[in-house]
Protein backbone atom coordinates (compact mmCIF):
# COMPACT_ATOMS: atom_id res chain seq x y z
CA UNK A 1 -42.31 53.29 -9.26
CA UNK A 2 -38.58 53.43 -11.01
CA UNK A 3 -36.84 50.13 -11.67
CA UNK A 4 -32.91 50.73 -11.59
CA UNK A 5 -29.97 48.45 -11.69
CA UNK A 6 -27.39 48.21 -8.78
CA UNK A 7 -25.71 51.19 -9.84
CA UNK A 8 -28.43 53.56 -8.82
CA UNK A 9 -29.14 53.29 -5.34
CA UNK A 10 -26.83 52.19 -2.60
CA UNK A 11 -26.87 48.47 -2.50
CA UNK A 12 -26.53 46.46 0.72
CA UNK A 13 -23.12 46.20 0.48
CA UNK A 14 -22.26 49.21 0.01
CA UNK A 15 -24.41 50.37 3.27
CA UNK A 16 -22.52 47.48 5.16
CA UNK A 17 -19.04 49.27 3.90
CA UNK A 18 -20.23 52.65 4.97
CA UNK A 19 -21.23 51.41 8.49
CA UNK A 20 -17.44 49.82 9.03
CA UNK A 21 -15.81 52.15 7.39
CA UNK A 22 -16.84 55.22 9.71
CA UNK A 23 -15.46 53.33 12.89
CA UNK A 24 -12.24 52.93 13.69
CA UNK A 25 -10.58 49.82 14.53
CA UNK A 26 -13.08 47.17 15.93
CA UNK A 27 -13.93 47.27 19.63
CA UNK A 28 -16.75 44.64 19.54
CA UNK A 29 -15.37 40.80 18.56
CA UNK A 30 -15.64 40.18 14.55
CA UNK A 31 -17.80 37.61 14.76
CA UNK A 32 -20.37 39.42 16.61
CA UNK A 33 -19.82 42.40 14.94
CA UNK A 34 -20.44 40.47 11.67
CA UNK A 35 -23.95 39.07 13.46
CA UNK A 36 -25.31 42.51 14.34
CA UNK A 37 -23.75 44.30 11.27
CA UNK A 38 -25.84 41.62 9.25
CA UNK A 39 -28.91 42.12 11.29
CA UNK A 40 -29.03 45.77 11.18
CA UNK A 41 -28.86 45.61 7.35
CA UNK A 42 -32.01 43.83 7.24
CA UNK A 43 -34.55 45.94 5.47
CA UNK A 44 -36.66 48.60 7.37
CA UNK A 45 -40.18 48.11 6.98
CA UNK A 46 -41.95 51.20 6.40
CA UNK A 47 -45.82 50.63 7.15
CA UNK A 48 -48.23 53.16 5.20
CA UNK A 49 -51.49 54.24 6.54
CA UNK A 50 -53.30 52.33 3.60
CA UNK A 51 -51.96 49.31 5.16
CA UNK A 52 -49.45 48.58 2.58
CA UNK A 53 -45.67 47.59 3.80
CA UNK A 54 -43.01 48.35 1.98
CA UNK A 55 -39.63 46.77 2.96
CA UNK A 56 -36.47 49.38 2.18
CA UNK A 57 -33.08 48.56 2.25
CA UNK A 58 -32.14 52.64 1.54
CA UNK A 59 -34.07 55.22 2.45
CA UNK A 60 -34.02 58.86 1.99
CA UNK A 61 -36.26 62.12 3.04
CA UNK A 62 -36.10 65.08 0.83
CA UNK A 63 -38.41 68.02 2.21
CA UNK A 64 -42.09 66.34 2.39
CA UNK A 65 -41.10 63.30 0.31
CA UNK A 66 -39.61 59.88 1.37
CA UNK A 67 -37.61 57.58 -1.31
CA UNK A 68 -37.76 53.98 -0.36
CA UNK A 69 -35.38 51.50 -2.63
CA UNK A 70 -35.79 47.84 -2.44
CA UNK A 71 -33.91 44.99 -3.90
CA UNK A 72 -35.60 43.16 -7.26
CA UNK A 73 -33.29 40.87 -8.80
CA UNK A 74 -30.26 42.37 -9.61
CA UNK A 75 -31.50 45.98 -9.27
CA UNK A 76 -34.02 47.89 -7.33
CA UNK A 77 -37.54 49.26 -7.15
CA UNK A 78 -37.50 53.21 -5.95
CA UNK A 79 -40.74 54.06 -4.36
CA UNK A 80 -41.40 57.94 -3.85
CA UNK A 81 -43.97 59.09 -1.85
CA UNK A 82 -45.36 62.19 0.56
CA UNK A 83 -44.25 61.28 4.06
CA UNK A 84 -47.70 62.06 5.23
CA UNK A 85 -48.52 58.41 3.91
CA UNK A 86 -46.09 57.09 6.47
CA UNK A 87 -47.73 55.27 9.50
CA UNK A 88 -44.49 53.95 11.62
CA UNK A 89 -41.38 52.17 10.87
CA UNK A 90 -40.24 48.55 12.26
CA UNK A 91 -36.40 48.79 12.36
CA UNK A 92 -34.89 45.40 12.46
CA UNK A 93 -32.05 44.91 15.48
CA UNK A 94 -34.09 47.14 18.19
CA UNK A 95 -32.84 44.67 21.07
CA UNK A 96 -29.31 46.08 20.20
CA UNK A 97 -30.30 49.24 21.72
CA UNK A 98 -30.62 47.66 25.33
CA UNK A 99 -27.16 46.00 24.70
CA UNK A 100 -25.78 49.31 24.00
CA UNK A 101 -27.28 50.63 27.19
CA UNK A 102 -25.74 47.77 29.08
CA UNK A 103 -22.30 48.44 27.75
CA UNK A 104 -22.62 51.97 28.80
CA UNK A 105 -23.58 50.96 32.35
CA UNK A 106 -21.03 48.53 32.54
CA UNK A 107 -18.51 51.28 31.22
CA UNK A 108 -17.31 49.22 28.32
CA UNK A 109 -17.26 52.56 26.50
CA UNK A 110 -15.46 51.45 23.20
CA UNK A 111 -17.74 48.72 22.39
CA UNK A 112 -20.92 50.91 23.34
CA UNK A 113 -19.89 53.68 20.95
CA UNK A 114 -18.96 51.56 18.04
CA UNK A 115 -22.45 49.59 18.64
CA UNK A 116 -24.16 53.07 19.06
CA UNK A 117 -22.61 54.24 15.83
CA UNK A 118 -24.00 50.90 13.92
CA UNK A 119 -27.44 52.10 15.51
CA UNK A 120 -27.11 55.51 14.67
CA UNK A 121 -26.11 54.92 10.99
CA UNK A 122 -29.00 52.45 10.62
CA UNK A 123 -31.73 55.20 11.63
CA UNK A 124 -29.95 58.69 10.81
CA UNK A 125 -31.95 59.30 7.44
CA UNK A 126 -35.08 58.57 8.82
CA UNK A 127 -34.67 60.24 12.34
CA UNK A 128 -37.16 62.95 11.55
CA UNK A 129 -40.05 60.68 11.06
CA UNK A 130 -39.29 58.53 14.34
CA UNK A 131 -40.91 59.16 17.71
CA UNK A 132 -38.57 61.35 19.78
CA UNK A 133 -37.49 58.85 21.97
CA UNK A 134 -35.39 57.36 19.07
CA UNK A 135 -33.35 61.03 19.22
CA UNK A 136 -33.44 60.97 23.08
CA UNK A 137 -31.62 57.36 22.99
CA UNK A 138 -28.84 58.91 21.01
CA UNK A 139 -28.16 61.67 23.52
CA UNK A 140 -25.78 58.99 25.00
CA UNK A 141 -24.04 58.36 21.45
CA UNK A 142 -23.19 61.95 21.95
CA UNK A 143 -21.59 61.67 25.06
CA UNK A 144 -19.74 58.49 23.86
CA UNK A 145 -18.22 60.73 20.75
CA UNK A 146 -17.42 63.37 23.21
CA UNK A 147 -15.05 60.91 24.96
CA UNK A 148 -13.83 59.52 22.00
CA UNK A 149 -10.60 60.23 19.87
CA UNK A 150 -12.56 62.34 17.86
CA UNK A 151 -15.01 64.19 19.73
CA UNK A 152 -15.67 66.90 16.90
CA UNK A 153 -17.98 64.40 15.38
CA UNK A 154 -20.60 65.30 18.06
CA UNK A 155 -21.44 68.72 16.54
CA UNK A 156 -22.72 67.07 13.17
CA UNK A 157 -24.69 64.38 15.23
CA UNK A 158 -26.18 67.03 17.56
CA UNK A 159 -27.31 68.99 14.32
CA UNK A 160 -29.26 65.98 13.24
CA UNK A 161 -30.59 65.23 16.87
CA UNK A 162 -31.64 68.43 18.10
CA UNK A 163 -34.73 69.21 15.80
CA UNK A 164 -36.48 66.12 17.12
CA UNK A 165 -35.88 66.83 21.15
CA UNK A 166 -38.19 68.97 23.20
CA UNK A 167 -36.94 67.78 26.77
CA UNK A 168 -35.47 70.94 28.24
CA UNK A 169 -32.52 68.99 30.16
CA UNK A 170 -31.90 66.84 27.12
CA UNK A 171 -31.63 70.24 25.07
CA UNK A 172 -29.11 71.20 27.51
CA UNK A 173 -26.74 68.52 27.63
CA UNK A 174 -26.67 68.92 23.82
CA UNK A 175 -25.75 72.19 24.11
CA UNK A 176 -23.40 71.45 26.49
CA UNK A 177 -21.76 68.86 24.08
CA UNK A 178 -21.55 71.51 21.17
CA UNK A 179 -19.93 74.21 23.73
CA UNK A 180 -17.41 71.74 24.69
CA UNK A 181 -16.90 70.04 20.96
CA UNK A 182 -16.17 73.73 19.63
CA UNK A 183 -13.70 74.30 22.55
CA UNK A 184 -11.53 71.11 22.35
CA UNK A 185 -11.32 72.00 18.53
CA UNK A 186 -10.01 75.40 20.34
CA UNK A 187 -12.57 77.52 17.83
CA UNK A 188 -12.52 80.33 20.34
CA UNK A 189 -14.60 82.56 18.11
CA UNK A 190 -17.67 80.21 18.18
CA UNK A 191 -17.08 79.38 21.67
CA UNK A 192 -17.70 82.98 22.98
CA UNK A 193 -21.09 83.57 21.59
CA UNK A 194 -22.12 79.99 23.01
CA UNK A 195 -20.66 80.61 26.49
CA UNK A 196 -22.65 83.86 26.86
CA UNK A 197 -25.48 81.97 26.10
CA UNK A 198 -24.93 79.32 28.59
CA UNK A 199 -24.34 81.52 31.21
CA UNK A 200 -27.40 83.79 30.58
CA UNK A 201 -29.52 80.54 31.24
CA UNK A 202 -27.50 78.98 34.05
CA UNK A 203 -26.33 79.28 37.45
CA UNK A 204 -23.14 78.83 39.36
CA UNK A 205 -24.54 76.25 41.80
CA UNK A 206 -26.08 73.93 39.16
CA UNK A 207 -24.88 70.58 37.91
CA UNK A 208 -22.00 71.73 35.20
CA UNK A 209 -19.80 74.49 35.29
CA UNK A 210 -18.72 74.42 31.77
CA UNK A 211 -19.80 77.94 30.95
CA UNK A 212 -17.85 79.47 34.10
CA UNK A 213 -14.92 77.15 32.43
CA UNK A 214 -14.79 78.07 29.21
CA UNK A 215 -15.53 81.81 30.15
CA UNK A 216 -12.65 81.69 32.50
CA UNK A 217 -10.19 79.97 30.32
CA UNK A 218 -11.06 82.58 27.45
CA UNK A 219 -9.95 85.23 30.06
CA UNK A 220 -6.97 83.81 30.82
CA UNK A 221 -6.11 83.72 27.07
CA UNK A 222 -6.66 87.63 27.06
CA UNK A 223 -4.18 87.83 30.25
CA UNK A 224 -7.78 89.42 32.27
CA UNK A 225 -6.68 87.53 35.36
CA UNK A 226 -8.87 89.08 37.70
CA UNK A 227 -12.01 88.58 35.66
CA UNK A 228 -10.79 84.85 34.86
CA UNK A 229 -10.64 84.49 38.79
CA UNK A 230 -13.97 85.82 39.48
CA UNK A 231 -15.52 83.99 36.74
CA UNK A 232 -13.95 80.67 38.12
CA UNK A 233 -14.39 80.82 41.40
CA UNK A 234 -18.31 81.42 41.07
CA UNK A 235 -18.97 77.57 40.90
CA UNK A 236 -16.44 76.90 43.04
CA UNK A 237 -18.16 78.84 45.80
CA UNK A 238 -21.78 77.53 45.08
CA UNK A 239 -20.68 73.94 44.28
CA UNK A 240 -22.77 71.31 46.24
CA UNK A 241 -21.38 68.43 47.86
CA UNK A 242 -20.98 66.41 44.61
CA UNK A 243 -18.78 68.35 42.24
CA UNK A 244 -20.53 69.25 39.07
CA UNK A 245 -19.00 68.67 35.64
CA UNK A 246 -15.96 70.82 34.72
CA UNK A 247 -15.43 72.36 38.40
CA UNK A 248 -11.80 70.90 38.01
CA UNK A 249 -11.28 72.98 34.87
CA UNK A 250 -12.66 76.15 36.93
CA UNK A 251 -10.26 75.47 39.66
CA UNK A 252 -7.45 74.85 37.09
CA UNK A 253 -8.36 78.35 35.62
CA UNK A 254 -8.83 80.12 39.34
CA UNK A 255 -5.31 78.76 40.32
CA UNK A 256 -3.68 80.17 36.87
CA UNK A 257 -5.31 83.37 37.45
CA UNK A 258 -3.80 83.63 40.80
CA UNK A 259 -0.64 83.10 39.36
CA UNK A 260 -0.96 85.39 36.65
CA UNK A 261 -1.83 88.20 39.57
CA UNK A 262 1.50 86.68 41.28
CA UNK A 263 -0.78 85.55 44.55
CA UNK A 264 1.29 82.38 44.89
CA UNK A 265 -0.32 81.54 48.22
CA UNK A 266 -3.48 81.76 47.10
CA UNK A 267 -3.06 79.69 43.85
CA UNK A 268 -1.47 77.06 46.52
CA UNK A 269 -4.28 77.16 48.78
CA UNK A 270 -6.60 76.65 45.91
CA UNK A 271 -4.75 73.73 44.42
CA UNK A 272 -4.92 71.91 48.28
CA UNK A 273 -8.65 72.42 48.09
CA UNK A 274 -8.81 71.03 44.79
CA UNK A 275 -6.98 68.02 45.97
CA UNK A 276 -9.38 67.90 49.16
CA UNK A 277 -12.17 67.70 46.83
CA UNK A 278 -10.86 64.67 44.72
CA UNK A 279 -10.44 66.70 41.73
CA UNK A 280 -7.28 66.31 39.48
CA UNK A 281 -5.55 68.99 37.12
CA UNK A 282 -7.27 69.20 33.42
CA UNK A 283 -4.39 68.51 31.20
CA UNK A 284 -5.84 68.60 28.15
CA UNK A 285 -6.63 72.36 27.81
CA UNK A 286 -3.27 73.69 26.41
CA UNK A 287 -4.82 77.58 28.01
CA UNK A 288 -3.45 75.65 31.17
CA UNK A 289 -0.25 74.35 30.35
CA UNK A 290 2.12 77.42 31.50
CA UNK A 291 0.13 77.89 34.77
CA UNK A 292 0.39 73.99 35.30
CA UNK A 293 4.45 74.02 34.62
CA UNK A 294 4.29 77.22 37.09
CA UNK A 295 2.27 75.29 39.65
CA UNK A 296 4.46 72.19 39.50
CA UNK A 297 7.55 74.34 40.01
CA UNK A 298 6.13 76.02 43.34
CA UNK A 299 4.97 72.55 44.49
CA UNK A 300 8.68 71.05 43.75
CA UNK A 301 9.95 73.92 45.51
CA UNK A 302 7.80 73.81 48.54
CA UNK A 303 7.79 69.76 48.92
CA UNK A 304 9.99 68.49 46.30
CA UNK A 305 6.99 66.92 44.66
CA UNK A 306 5.51 68.11 41.91
CA UNK A 307 1.75 68.21 40.11
CA UNK A 308 2.88 65.52 37.80
CA UNK A 309 4.05 63.20 40.23
CA UNK A 310 0.82 63.75 42.35
CA UNK A 311 -1.39 62.86 39.52
């Protein structure tokens, strides 16, 4: 054991600062946020196989060693031991996981994202030693990040979670999140190999059309309109009654490709079918913007009502 002063290891106040500084404007009311943060800042109990329990307010894992810092007076006591000696952890604030799920189910995404981030930061350094269920829990956190203003954060979180996850469906969800994140960042050189891997393992009648969307959009950017149309139509033709994820993007790619091929009537037919399925044009992907404008012009000419008015 090493006795260190308050300048050695991360102290409690700095941990709270880290938790709060990584969040945007608070969504959780201040009073409740303070109570949640205080509870999550309580020491994590590290239970060793020899029966000893060490309360740690800062824990790091490096290779086969775990370092546990606990407060003592104005300083800290630092314990360094082999991870094989750890039996389990008791983590304060576990009930807030239920609260986060309730907020997700209530579609209160801002509060859920904020609480999930607090829970994730509390556990992130010890996730490799926690049961796999802990990493599975944070797949919902990844989904919330993807819907936030900064979806790029999902890539870093996935890199931490993925080694602990074995469930095939969960792994597919994480792979989708990585592909979607790179595509959102317009890092298309990284998107291409991820798309190829996605298409090699999936089929056009599954619950996601993500790879067909990213591949057809890439073909559009390369002016391969015939290829883009063929790719985008595959999930459209085989889609079940419940539209798979990203089917609207495939419709946009197919319509854009048809416009690129100067097949105006076919593009309008696909758009009418898209509307009939209750799908909306994805306006956030810049690949579709010039075709969106062209489609809007055709609709204005035909009916006096453009896409922007319909949406």
